[in-house]
């Protein structure tokens, strides 16, 4: 789900031409596959509001439904 959705985060690069590095995010996904929350664990890009924009976009990522109440997923995203 993340690999396909990461492309959507590239729109955050508009106005951030120096955005490169790795962002680490933590997503909490509810049982219906919807993202409940996103936290930036490590901002290795350090480019203004880029990390916040990526976190906001990732709130709309779709995951498969599952039997647990929620699942926590940590994701590193690399930008060059």
Foldseek 3Di string as FASTA:
>chain_A
DCVVQQVVLVVLCVVQVQFFDKWKKKWKAAQQFATPAIDTPDRGRPGPCSNVSSRVSCNGDGDHHHDDRIDIDIDMDGDD
